[in-house]
Amino acid sequence: MKIQDLIKNIHKGSKHLGTFSLHELFQFASSRNYNGIAVAKENGREYYLAFLAGEAEGPPENMRDNVK
């Protein structure tokens, strides 16, 4: 199984917490110490950003509004 397939399976079974701008997402995750994966879709592509204890664990390059 590819990592993208694994992330998609995790995302399918996860609770949707909202739609955020990137700035709002960082504030939301850090204020609640969340562990999770943010998903952004743009122009037919998907971008993922992991949060551990409210801290981003990957570069948020190319991520814009509508982060889910």
C-alpha atoms as a PDB file:
ATOM      1  CA  MET A   1       0.000   0.000   0.000  1.00  0.00           C
ATOM      2  CA  LYS A   2       1.297   3.430  -0.929  1.00  0.00           C
ATOM      3  CA  ILE A   3       1.519   6.156   1.708  1.00  0.00           C
ATOM      4  CA  GLN A   4      -1.087   8.198  -0.215  1.00  0.00           C
ATOM      5  CA  ASP A   5      -3.534   5.276   0.020  1.00  0.00           C
ATOM      6  CA  LEU A   6      -2.883   4.927   3.728  1.00  0.00           C
ATOM      7  CA  ILE A   7      -3.497   8.637   4.332  1.00  0.00           C
ATOM      8  CA  LYS A   8      -6.705   8.523   2.234  1.00  0.00           C
ATOM      9  CA  ASN A   9      -7.970   5.568   4.303  1.00  0.00           C
ATOM     10  CA  ILE A  10      -7.211   7.413   7.544  1.00  0.00           C
ATOM     11  CA  HIS A  11      -8.921  10.535   6.194  1.00  0.00           C
ATOM     12  CA  LYS A  12     -12.053   8.590   5.147  1.00  0.00           C
ATOM     13  CA  GLY A  13     -12.506   7.244   8.662  1.00  0.00           C
ATOM     14  CA  SER A  14     -11.777  10.527  10.419  1.00  0.00           C
ATOM     15  CA  LYS A  15     -14.015  13.205  11.852  1.00  0.00           C
ATOM     16  CA  HIS A  16     -14.071  16.425   9.799  1.00  0.00           C
ATOM     17  CA  LEU A  17     -13.322  19.325  12.153  1.00  0.00           C
ATOM     18  CA  GLY A  18     -13.881  22.209   9.754  1.00  0.00           C
ATOM     19  CA  THR A  19     -12.504  24.275   6.922  1.00  0.00           C
ATOM     20  CA  PHE A  20      -9.690  26.650   7.826  1.00  0.00           C
ATOM     21  CA  SER A  21      -7.268  29.096   6.293  1.00  0.00           C
ATOM     22  CA  LEU A  22      -3.706  27.977   6.921  1.00  0.00           C
ATOM     23  CA  HIS A  23      -3.302  30.553   9.700  1.00  0.00           C
ATOM     24  CA  GLU A  24      -6.550  29.427  11.372  1.00  0.00           C
ATOM     25  CA  LEU A  25      -5.480  25.794  11.091  1.00  0.00           C
ATOM     26  CA  PHE A  26      -2.222  26.421  12.943  1.00  0.00           C
ATOM     27  CA  GLN A  27      -4.063  28.305  15.681  1.00  0.00           C
ATOM     28  CA  PHE A  28      -6.760  25.632  15.985  1.00  0.00           C
ATOM     29  CA  ALA A  29      -4.318  22.707  16.154  1.00  0.00           C
ATOM     30  CA  SER A  30      -1.939  24.337  18.621  1.00  0.00           C
ATOM     31  CA  SER A  31      -4.672  25.594  20.961  1.00  0.00           C
ATOM     32  CA  ARG A  32      -6.031  22.059  21.335  1.00  0.00           C
ATOM     33  CA  ASN A  33      -2.768  20.084  21.105  1.00  0.00           C
ATOM     34  CA  TYR A  34      -4.250  18.031  18.245  1.00  0.00           C
ATOM     35  CA  ASN A  35      -2.715  15.011  16.588  1.00  0.00           C
ATOM     36  CA  GLY A  36      -4.033  14.696  13.049  1.00  0.00           C
ATOM     37  CA  ILE A  37      -3.672  15.174   9.341  1.00  0.00           C
ATOM     38  CA  ALA A  38      -4.842  18.258   7.455  1.00  0.00           C
ATOM     39  CA  VAL A  39      -5.867  17.745   3.833  1.00  0.00           C
ATOM     40  CA  ALA A  40      -5.953  20.491   1.208  1.00  0.00           C
ATOM     41  CA  LYS A  41      -7.219  20.041  -2.328  1.00  0.00           C
ATOM     42  CA  GLU A  42      -6.333  22.397  -5.156  1.00  0.00           C
ATOM     43  CA  ASN A  43      -6.379  21.994  -8.942  1.00  0.00           C
ATOM     44  CA  GLY A  44      -6.935  18.240  -8.707  1.00  0.00           C
ATOM     45  CA  ARG A  45      -4.032  17.694  -6.301  1.00  0.00           C
ATOM     46  CA  GLU A  46      -4.074  16.823  -2.608  1.00  0.00           C
ATOM     47  CA  TYR A  47      -1.681  18.108   0.037  1.00  0.00           C
ATOM     48  CA  TYR A  48      -1.232  16.678   3.527  1.00  0.00           C
ATOM     49  CA  LEU A  49       0.134  18.202   6.699  1.00  0.00           C
ATOM     50  CA  ALA A  50       0.552  16.180   9.905  1.00  0.00           C
ATOM     51  CA  PHE A  51       0.110  17.658  13.377  1.00  0.00           C
ATOM     52  CA  LEU A  52       1.604  16.073  16.489  1.00  0.00           C
ATOM     53  CA  ALA A  53       0.681  17.624  19.825  1.00  0.00           C
ATOM     54  CA  GLY A  54      -0.533  20.694  17.935  1.00  0.00           C
ATOM     55  CA  GLU A  55       2.706  21.228  16.025  1.00  0.00           C
ATOM     56  CA  ALA A  56       3.014  20.910  12.234  1.00  0.00           C
ATOM     57  CA  GLU A  57       5.329  18.084  11.192  1.00  0.00           C
ATOM     58  CA  GLY A  58       5.803  18.857   7.515  1.00  0.00           C
ATOM     59  CA  PRO A  59       6.316  21.851   5.280  1.00  0.00           C
ATOM     60  CA  PRO A  60       2.995  23.511   4.392  1.00  0.00           C
ATOM     61  CA  GLU A  61       4.261  24.460   0.921  1.00  0.00           C
ATOM     62  CA  ASN A  62       1.540  25.095  -1.639  1.00  0.00           C
ATOM     63  CA  MET A  63      -1.185  24.874   1.005  1.00  0.00           C
ATOM     64  CA  ARG A  64      -3.687  27.691   0.826  1.00  0.00           C
ATOM     65  CA  ASP A  65      -7.267  28.214   1.972  1.00  0.00           C
ATOM     66  CA  ASN A  66      -9.804  25.387   2.247  1.00  0.00           C
ATOM     67  CA  VAL A  67      -7.615  23.123   4.339  1.00  0.00           C
ATOM     68  CA  LYS A  68      -9.672  20.167   5.527  1.00  0.00           C
END
